[in-house]
Amino acid sequence: MAESVPVRIKRLPHGHGLDLPGYATQGAAGMDVLSAENVILRPGARQAVGTGLAVAIPPGYEIQVRPRSGLALKHGISVPNTPGTIDSDYRGELKVILINHSDDNFAVQRGDRIAQLVVSPVTLARWHEVEELDSTQRGEGGFGSTGGHAKL
C-alpha cells in the first residue's frame, strides 16, 4: 500500500457543495479534481479554472496537476503546463489551466472532473559548478539524436 500524506484543504465559498478531490479506484495515482465554475473553452483557448479549494501541502511535497486522459482523447482538452506544480508554500485557490486543442467549443460545468492531482515528494538540487563534465556515449547529441520515430 502506498504512503498516505496528510494535506490540509480549505473550501472557498464557491467550492461548497462539491466533492473533495478523490481517487476513482484503489490503484489510482491521481485524484480527480472538480471545476467550481462554468466555462466555455473556445478552440485554441486557455483558461485557469477555479476549483474552489486551497491547500497547505506539507514541506518536502508538491501537488502535480495532470490532464485527465479521457478529456484529452475524446475532447482534446489538456493541461498545457503538464505537469503543473503547486508548491508547498502556495495558499491561494487551486486553479487548473485548461487548453482546448479541438476545433469545437468545450463546456466545463461546475462539478465536472477537470484534472488529476498527484501528491509527490520533492528532491531539491544542490548545484556543483565544474570546469568540465564527464563524457558519455551520447555526448552533446540533442533532440532526435538517439533515432526518433524512423527506427520504429
N, C-alpha and C. Protein backbone atom coordinates (compact mmCIF):
# COMPACT_ATOMS: atom_id res chain seq x y z
N MET A 1 0.84 -1.18 0.00
CA MET A 1 0.00 0.00 0.00
C MET A 1 0.88 1.24 0.00
N ALA A 2 0.49 2.25 -0.75
CA ALA A 2 1.25 3.49 -0.85
C ALA A 2 1.14 4.31 0.44
N GLU A 3 2.17 5.13 0.68
CA GLU A 3 2.18 6.01 1.84
C GLU A 3 1.09 7.06 1.71
N SER A 4 0.47 7.42 2.81
CA SER A 4 -0.55 8.45 2.85
C SER A 4 0.05 9.72 3.45
N VAL A 5 -0.10 10.85 2.76
CA VAL A 5 0.44 12.12 3.21
C VAL A 5 -0.72 13.04 3.58
N PRO A 6 -0.77 13.54 4.81
CA PRO A 6 -1.86 14.45 5.18
C PRO A 6 -1.68 15.81 4.52
N VAL A 7 -2.73 16.29 3.84
CA VAL A 7 -2.73 17.60 3.20
C VAL A 7 -3.95 18.35 3.70
N ARG A 8 -3.72 19.52 4.31
CA ARG A 8 -4.84 20.33 4.77
C ARG A 8 -5.50 21.00 3.57
N ILE A 9 -6.84 21.01 3.57
CA ILE A 9 -7.58 21.58 2.45
C ILE A 9 -8.68 22.48 2.98
N LYS A 10 -8.88 23.61 2.31
CA LYS A 10 -9.88 24.58 2.72
C LYS A 10 -10.84 24.81 1.56
N ARG A 11 -12.14 24.72 1.87
CA ARG A 11 -13.15 25.06 0.86
C ARG A 11 -13.32 26.57 0.83
N LEU A 12 -13.28 27.11 -0.34
CA LEU A 12 -13.58 28.52 -0.54
C LEU A 12 -15.08 28.64 -0.76
N PRO A 13 -15.66 29.83 -0.62
CA PRO A 13 -17.12 29.95 -0.72
C PRO A 13 -17.73 29.32 -1.97
N HIS A 14 -17.07 29.47 -3.13
CA HIS A 14 -17.63 28.90 -4.36
C HIS A 14 -17.34 27.41 -4.52
N GLY A 15 -16.67 26.80 -3.54
CA GLY A 15 -16.39 25.37 -3.57
C GLY A 15 -17.36 24.54 -2.74
N HIS A 16 -18.25 25.21 -2.00
CA HIS A 16 -19.20 24.48 -1.16
C HIS A 16 -20.13 23.63 -2.01
N GLY A 17 -20.40 22.43 -1.53
CA GLY A 17 -21.29 21.51 -2.23
C GLY A 17 -20.58 20.59 -3.21
N LEU A 18 -19.30 20.82 -3.45
CA LEU A 18 -18.54 19.96 -4.36
C LEU A 18 -17.76 18.91 -3.57
N ASP A 19 -17.57 17.75 -4.17
CA ASP A 19 -16.74 16.71 -3.55
C ASP A 19 -15.29 17.17 -3.49
N LEU A 20 -14.60 16.75 -2.45
CA LEU A 20 -13.16 16.98 -2.38
C LEU A 20 -12.48 16.09 -3.42
N PRO A 21 -11.25 16.44 -3.83
CA PRO A 21 -10.54 15.56 -4.76
C PRO A 21 -10.49 14.13 -4.20
N GLY A 22 -10.64 13.17 -5.09
CA GLY A 22 -10.67 11.78 -4.64
C GLY A 22 -10.15 10.83 -5.69
N TYR A 23 -9.73 9.67 -5.22
CA TYR A 23 -9.23 8.61 -6.10
C TYR A 23 -10.41 7.81 -6.63
N ALA A 24 -10.47 7.63 -7.95
CA ALA A 24 -11.59 6.92 -8.58
C ALA A 24 -11.53 5.42 -8.33
N THR A 25 -10.31 4.88 -8.21
CA THR A 25 -10.14 3.44 -7.97
C THR A 25 -9.06 3.23 -6.92
N GLN A 26 -8.98 2.03 -6.40
CA GLN A 26 -8.00 1.71 -5.36
C GLN A 26 -6.56 1.87 -5.86
N GLY A 27 -6.32 1.62 -7.14
CA GLY A 27 -4.96 1.70 -7.68
C GLY A 27 -4.63 3.03 -8.34
N ALA A 28 -5.52 4.01 -8.26
CA ALA A 28 -5.29 5.30 -8.92
C ALA A 28 -4.17 6.08 -8.25
N ALA A 29 -3.30 6.68 -9.05
CA ALA A 29 -2.23 7.53 -8.53
C ALA A 29 -2.70 8.97 -8.39
N GLY A 30 -3.65 9.37 -9.23
CA GLY A 30 -4.13 10.74 -9.23
C GLY A 30 -5.53 10.84 -8.68
N MET A 31 -5.80 11.97 -8.03
CA MET A 31 -7.14 12.27 -7.51
C MET A 31 -7.84 13.17 -8.52
N ASP A 32 -9.09 12.87 -8.83
CA ASP A 32 -9.87 13.74 -9.69
C ASP A 32 -10.24 15.01 -8.93
N VAL A 33 -10.06 16.16 -9.59
CA VAL A 33 -10.44 17.43 -9.00
C VAL A 33 -11.53 18.04 -9.88
N LEU A 34 -12.48 18.72 -9.24
CA LEU A 34 -13.66 19.23 -9.92
C LEU A 34 -13.59 20.73 -10.18
N SER A 35 -14.29 21.15 -11.23
CA SER A 35 -14.43 22.57 -11.53
C SER A 35 -15.45 23.19 -10.57
N ALA A 36 -15.17 24.39 -10.12
CA ALA A 36 -16.12 25.13 -9.27
C ALA A 36 -16.84 26.20 -10.08
N GLU A 37 -16.66 26.19 -11.40
CA GLU A 37 -17.28 27.22 -12.22
C GLU A 37 -17.67 26.66 -13.58
N ASN A 38 -18.54 27.40 -14.27
CA ASN A 38 -18.93 27.08 -15.63
C ASN A 38 -18.07 27.90 -16.58
N VAL A 39 -17.50 27.23 -17.57
CA VAL A 39 -16.59 27.89 -18.51
C VAL A 39 -16.84 27.32 -19.90
N ILE A 40 -16.78 28.16 -20.91
CA ILE A 40 -16.76 27.70 -22.29
C ILE A 40 -15.34 27.91 -22.81
N LEU A 41 -14.69 26.80 -23.17
CA LEU A 41 -13.34 26.88 -23.75
C LEU A 41 -13.48 26.86 -25.26
N ARG A 42 -13.11 27.94 -25.90
CA ARG A 42 -13.16 28.01 -27.36
C ARG A 42 -11.95 27.28 -27.95
N PRO A 43 -12.00 26.87 -29.19
CA PRO A 43 -10.86 26.19 -29.81
C PRO A 43 -9.58 27.02 -29.67
N GLY A 44 -8.52 26.37 -29.20
CA GLY A 44 -7.23 27.03 -29.02
C GLY A 44 -7.12 27.87 -27.76
N ALA A 45 -8.20 28.05 -27.02
CA ALA A 45 -8.18 28.91 -25.84
C ALA A 45 -7.62 28.19 -24.62
N ARG A 46 -7.07 29.00 -23.71
CA ARG A 46 -6.58 28.53 -22.42
C ARG A 46 -7.31 29.32 -21.35
N GLN A 47 -7.58 28.65 -20.23
CA GLN A 47 -8.21 29.36 -19.11
C GLN A 47 -7.87 28.67 -17.80
N ALA A 48 -7.62 29.49 -16.77
CA ALA A 48 -7.42 28.97 -15.42
C ALA A 48 -8.80 28.76 -14.81
N VAL A 49 -9.12 27.52 -14.51
CA VAL A 49 -10.45 27.16 -14.00
C VAL A 49 -10.35 26.92 -12.50
N GLY A 50 -11.16 27.63 -11.73
CA GLY A 50 -11.14 27.51 -10.27
C GLY A 50 -11.73 26.20 -9.79
N THR A 51 -11.19 25.73 -8.67
CA THR A 51 -11.69 24.51 -8.04
C THR A 51 -12.43 24.80 -6.75
N GLY A 52 -12.35 26.04 -6.27
CA GLY A 52 -12.99 26.37 -5.00
C GLY A 52 -12.27 25.80 -3.80
N LEU A 53 -10.99 25.46 -3.98
CA LEU A 53 -10.20 24.85 -2.91
C LEU A 53 -8.85 25.55 -2.77
N ALA A 54 -8.35 25.58 -1.56
CA ALA A 54 -6.98 26.00 -1.27
C ALA A 54 -6.36 24.90 -0.41
N VAL A 55 -5.05 24.70 -0.54
CA VAL A 55 -4.40 23.60 0.17
C VAL A 55 -3.15 24.08 0.89
N ALA A 56 -2.75 23.33 1.90
CA ALA A 56 -1.49 23.53 2.60
C ALA A 56 -0.72 22.22 2.48
N ILE A 57 0.15 22.16 1.50
CA ILE A 57 0.93 20.96 1.22
C ILE A 57 2.09 20.90 2.21
N PRO A 58 2.36 19.74 2.79
CA PRO A 58 3.48 19.65 3.74
C PRO A 58 4.81 19.97 3.06
N PRO A 59 5.74 20.61 3.79
CA PRO A 59 7.07 20.85 3.23
C PRO A 59 7.67 19.54 2.74
N GLY A 60 8.39 19.60 1.63
CA GLY A 60 9.01 18.40 1.06
C GLY A 60 8.12 17.70 0.05
N TYR A 61 6.93 18.28 -0.22
CA TYR A 61 5.99 17.70 -1.19
C TYR A 61 5.51 18.79 -2.13
N GLU A 62 4.95 18.37 -3.24
CA GLU A 62 4.26 19.23 -4.19
C GLU A 62 3.01 18.49 -4.61
N ILE A 63 2.09 19.21 -5.24
CA ILE A 63 0.99 18.56 -5.93
C ILE A 63 1.18 18.83 -7.40
N GLN A 64 1.20 17.76 -8.20
CA GLN A 64 1.29 17.87 -9.64
C GLN A 64 -0.11 17.85 -10.22
N VAL A 65 -0.38 18.75 -11.17
CA VAL A 65 -1.66 18.83 -11.85
C VAL A 65 -1.48 18.22 -13.22
N ARG A 66 -2.26 17.19 -13.52
CA ARG A 66 -2.11 16.47 -14.78
C ARG A 66 -3.44 16.38 -15.50
N PRO A 67 -3.40 16.24 -16.83
CA PRO A 67 -4.65 16.12 -17.59
C PRO A 67 -5.36 14.81 -17.28
N ARG A 68 -6.65 14.79 -17.55
CA ARG A 68 -7.43 13.56 -17.49
C ARG A 68 -7.36 12.94 -18.89
N SER A 69 -6.99 11.67 -18.97
CA SER A 69 -6.78 11.04 -20.27
C SER A 69 -8.05 11.01 -21.12
N GLY A 70 -9.21 10.81 -20.50
CA GLY A 70 -10.46 10.77 -21.25
C GLY A 70 -10.78 12.11 -21.89
N LEU A 71 -10.56 13.22 -21.16
CA LEU A 71 -10.79 14.54 -21.73
C LEU A 71 -9.83 14.81 -22.89
N ALA A 72 -8.60 14.38 -22.74
CA ALA A 72 -7.60 14.60 -23.78
C ALA A 72 -7.93 13.80 -25.04
N LEU A 73 -8.25 12.54 -24.89
CA LEU A 73 -8.53 11.68 -26.04
C LEU A 73 -9.85 12.02 -26.72
N LYS A 74 -10.89 12.15 -25.93
CA LYS A 74 -12.23 12.32 -26.50
C LYS A 74 -12.55 13.76 -26.92
N HIS A 75 -11.93 14.75 -26.24
CA HIS A 75 -12.33 16.13 -26.48
C HIS A 75 -11.17 17.08 -26.77
N GLY A 76 -9.92 16.61 -26.70
CA GLY A 76 -8.78 17.49 -26.96
C GLY A 76 -8.52 18.49 -25.86
N ILE A 77 -9.00 18.21 -24.64
CA ILE A 77 -8.82 19.13 -23.51
C ILE A 77 -7.64 18.64 -22.68
N SER A 78 -6.69 19.54 -22.43
CA SER A 78 -5.48 19.15 -21.71
C SER A 78 -5.06 20.25 -20.75
N VAL A 79 -3.96 20.00 -20.06
CA VAL A 79 -3.32 20.96 -19.17
C VAL A 79 -2.02 21.36 -19.86
N PRO A 80 -1.88 22.63 -20.31
CA PRO A 80 -0.74 22.98 -21.15
C PRO A 80 0.61 22.96 -20.44
N ASN A 81 0.66 23.14 -19.16
CA ASN A 81 1.94 23.14 -18.43
C ASN A 81 2.11 21.83 -17.68
N THR A 82 1.87 20.74 -18.35
CA THR A 82 1.84 19.42 -17.72
C THR A 82 3.24 18.93 -17.37
N PRO A 83 3.47 18.41 -16.17
CA PRO A 83 2.55 18.60 -15.06
C PRO A 83 2.72 19.98 -14.45
N GLY A 84 1.61 20.58 -14.11
CA GLY A 84 1.65 21.83 -13.35
C GLY A 84 2.07 21.52 -11.93
N THR A 85 2.72 22.46 -11.30
CA THR A 85 3.20 22.25 -9.93
C THR A 85 2.53 23.23 -8.97
N ILE A 86 2.03 22.71 -7.87
CA ILE A 86 1.56 23.54 -6.77
C ILE A 86 2.60 23.37 -5.66
N ASP A 87 3.27 24.46 -5.31
CA ASP A 87 4.33 24.42 -4.31
C ASP A 87 3.76 24.38 -2.90
N SER A 88 4.57 23.88 -1.97
CA SER A 88 4.10 23.70 -0.60
C SER A 88 3.83 25.02 0.12
N ASP A 89 4.37 26.13 -0.38
CA ASP A 89 4.13 27.40 0.30
C ASP A 89 3.03 28.24 -0.35
N TYR A 90 2.34 27.70 -1.36
CA TYR A 90 1.24 28.43 -2.01
C TYR A 90 -0.04 28.22 -1.22
N ARG A 91 -0.78 29.31 -0.98
CA ARG A 91 -2.01 29.22 -0.19
C ARG A 91 -3.24 29.77 -0.92
N GLY A 92 -3.09 30.15 -2.19
CA GLY A 92 -4.22 30.66 -2.95
C GLY A 92 -5.10 29.54 -3.49
N GLU A 93 -6.11 29.94 -4.26
CA GLU A 93 -7.01 28.95 -4.84
C GLU A 93 -6.27 28.05 -5.82
N LEU A 94 -6.54 26.76 -5.72
CA LEU A 94 -6.01 25.79 -6.66
C LEU A 94 -6.80 25.97 -7.97
N LYS A 95 -6.10 26.38 -9.02
CA LYS A 95 -6.73 26.53 -10.32
C LYS A 95 -6.03 25.61 -11.31
N VAL A 96 -6.78 25.16 -12.29
CA VAL A 96 -6.26 24.26 -13.31
C VAL A 96 -6.29 25.00 -14.64
N ILE A 97 -5.11 25.13 -15.27
CA ILE A 97 -5.06 25.74 -16.59
C ILE A 97 -5.47 24.69 -17.61
N LEU A 98 -6.57 24.93 -18.30
CA LEU A 98 -7.03 24.02 -19.33
C LEU A 98 -6.82 24.66 -20.69
N ILE A 99 -6.57 23.81 -21.71
CA ILE A 99 -6.45 24.26 -23.09
C ILE A 99 -7.32 23.37 -23.96
N ASN A 100 -7.95 23.98 -24.95
CA ASN A 100 -8.81 23.25 -25.88
C ASN A 100 -8.06 23.09 -27.20
N HIS A 101 -7.60 21.86 -27.47
CA HIS A 101 -6.88 21.55 -28.71
C HIS A 101 -7.84 21.12 -29.82
N SER A 102 -9.13 21.11 -29.57
CA SER A 102 -10.08 20.65 -30.59
C SER A 102 -10.54 21.83 -31.45
N ASP A 103 -11.38 21.53 -32.42
CA ASP A 103 -11.96 22.55 -33.29
C ASP A 103 -13.32 23.01 -32.81
N ASP A 104 -13.78 22.49 -31.67
CA ASP A 104 -15.12 22.79 -31.17
C ASP A 104 -15.05 23.46 -29.81
N ASN A 105 -16.05 24.27 -29.49
CA ASN A 105 -16.19 24.79 -28.13
C ASN A 105 -16.35 23.61 -27.18
N PHE A 106 -15.84 23.78 -25.95
CA PHE A 106 -15.99 22.74 -24.93
C PHE A 106 -16.53 23.39 -23.67
N ALA A 107 -17.65 22.88 -23.19
CA ALA A 107 -18.28 23.41 -21.99
C ALA A 107 -17.80 22.67 -20.76
N VAL A 108 -17.26 23.41 -19.82
CA VAL A 108 -16.91 22.87 -18.50
C VAL A 108 -18.01 23.32 -17.56
N GLN A 109 -18.64 22.36 -16.90
CA GLN A 109 -19.72 22.66 -15.96
C GLN A 109 -19.21 22.52 -14.53
N ARG A 110 -19.76 23.31 -13.64
CA ARG A 110 -19.43 23.18 -12.22
C ARG A 110 -19.67 21.74 -11.80
N GLY A 111 -18.67 21.14 -11.16
CA GLY A 111 -18.77 19.75 -10.72
C GLY A 111 -18.13 18.76 -11.68
N ASP A 112 -17.73 19.21 -12.88
CA ASP A 112 -17.05 18.31 -13.83
C ASP A 112 -15.64 18.00 -13.33
N ARG A 113 -15.21 16.77 -13.56
CA ARG A 113 -13.83 16.38 -13.28
C ARG A 113 -12.95 16.99 -14.38
N ILE A 114 -11.99 17.82 -14.00
CA ILE A 114 -11.21 18.55 -14.99
C ILE A 114 -9.73 18.19 -15.03
N ALA A 115 -9.20 17.57 -13.99
CA ALA A 115 -7.78 17.23 -13.96
C ALA A 115 -7.54 16.20 -12.86
N GLN A 116 -6.29 15.76 -12.79
CA GLN A 116 -5.87 14.86 -11.71
C GLN A 116 -4.80 15.55 -10.88
N LEU A 117 -4.81 15.29 -9.59
CA LEU A 117 -3.81 15.81 -8.67
C LEU A 117 -2.99 14.64 -8.14
N VAL A 118 -1.67 14.77 -8.20
CA VAL A 118 -0.77 13.74 -7.68
C VAL A 118 0.12 14.39 -6.63
N VAL A 119 0.06 13.89 -5.39
CA VAL A 119 0.95 14.37 -4.33
C VAL A 119 2.28 13.65 -4.51
N SER A 120 3.36 14.42 -4.57
CA SER A 120 4.66 13.84 -4.90
C SER A 120 5.76 14.45 -4.03
N PRO A 121 6.74 13.63 -3.61
CA PRO A 121 7.87 14.18 -2.86
C PRO A 121 8.75 15.04 -3.77
N VAL A 122 9.40 16.02 -3.18
CA VAL A 122 10.29 16.93 -3.91
C VAL A 122 11.72 16.65 -3.49
N THR A 123 12.60 16.55 -4.47
CA THR A 123 14.03 16.45 -4.23
C THR A 123 14.66 17.76 -4.67
N LEU A 124 15.35 18.43 -3.77
CA LEU A 124 15.98 19.70 -4.10
C LEU A 124 17.39 19.47 -4.62
N ALA A 125 17.78 20.25 -5.62
CA ALA A 125 19.12 20.14 -6.20
C ALA A 125 20.08 21.06 -5.47
N ARG A 126 21.32 20.67 -5.45
CA ARG A 126 22.40 21.50 -4.92
C ARG A 126 23.45 21.55 -6.03
N TRP A 127 23.61 22.71 -6.67
CA TRP A 127 24.50 22.84 -7.81
C TRP A 127 25.96 22.74 -7.39
N HIS A 128 26.75 22.08 -8.23
CA HIS A 128 28.19 21.96 -8.03
C HIS A 128 28.83 22.34 -9.36
N GLU A 129 29.28 23.59 -9.47
CA GLU A 129 29.83 24.08 -10.73
C GLU A 129 31.22 23.48 -10.97
N VAL A 130 31.44 23.00 -12.20
CA VAL A 130 32.72 22.39 -12.58
C VAL A 130 33.20 22.99 -13.89
N GLU A 131 34.46 22.78 -14.21
CA GLU A 131 35.04 23.25 -15.47
C GLU A 131 34.67 22.32 -16.63
N GLU A 132 34.59 21.03 -16.36
CA GLU A 132 34.29 20.04 -17.40
C GLU A 132 33.32 19.00 -16.84
N LEU A 133 32.51 18.43 -17.74
CA LEU A 133 31.60 17.34 -17.37
C LEU A 133 32.19 16.03 -17.85
N ASP A 134 31.81 14.92 -17.20
CA ASP A 134 32.28 13.62 -17.65
C ASP A 134 31.69 13.32 -19.03
N SER A 135 32.40 12.53 -19.82
CA SER A 135 31.92 12.21 -21.16
C SER A 135 31.00 11.00 -21.11
N THR A 136 30.09 10.94 -22.09
CA THR A 136 29.17 9.81 -22.24
C THR A 136 29.13 9.42 -23.71
N GLN A 137 28.57 8.26 -24.00
CA GLN A 137 28.45 7.83 -25.39
C GLN A 137 27.60 8.82 -26.19
N ARG A 138 26.56 9.36 -25.61
CA ARG A 138 25.68 10.30 -26.30
C ARG A 138 26.33 11.66 -26.49
N GLY A 139 27.10 12.08 -25.51
CA GLY A 139 27.76 13.37 -25.61
C GLY A 139 26.78 14.52 -25.68
N GLU A 140 26.96 15.42 -26.64
CA GLU A 140 26.12 16.61 -26.79
C GLU A 140 24.96 16.38 -27.74
N GLY A 141 24.72 15.13 -28.16
CA GLY A 141 23.61 14.84 -29.07
C GLY A 141 22.28 15.21 -28.43
N GLY A 142 21.53 16.09 -29.10
CA GLY A 142 20.29 16.59 -28.54
C GLY A 142 19.07 15.99 -29.18
N PHE A 143 18.10 16.84 -29.46
CA PHE A 143 16.79 16.42 -29.96
C PHE A 143 16.92 15.50 -31.16
N GLY A 144 16.37 14.29 -31.05
CA GLY A 144 16.36 13.34 -32.16
C GLY A 144 17.67 12.60 -32.36
N SER A 145 18.67 12.85 -31.54
CA SER A 145 19.99 12.24 -31.76
C SER A 145 20.02 10.74 -31.49
N THR A 146 19.04 10.21 -30.78
CA THR A 146 19.04 8.78 -30.49
C THR A 146 18.17 7.99 -31.46
N GLY A 147 17.69 8.62 -32.51
CA GLY A 147 16.99 7.88 -33.56
C GLY A 147 15.58 8.32 -33.86
N GLY A 148 14.80 8.64 -32.85
CA GLY A 148 13.43 9.09 -33.09
C GLY A 148 12.54 8.06 -33.72
N HIS A 149 11.50 8.52 -34.41
CA HIS A 149 10.45 7.65 -34.92
C HIS A 149 10.88 6.84 -36.13
N ALA A 150 11.94 7.22 -36.83
CA ALA A 150 12.35 6.49 -38.03
C ALA A 150 12.77 5.05 -37.71
N LYS A 151 13.23 4.79 -36.51
CA LYS A 151 13.68 3.44 -36.12
C LYS A 151 12.53 2.55 -35.69
N LEU A 152 11.33 3.10 -35.51
CA LEU A 152 10.18 2.30 -35.05
C LEU A 152 9.66 1.42 -36.13
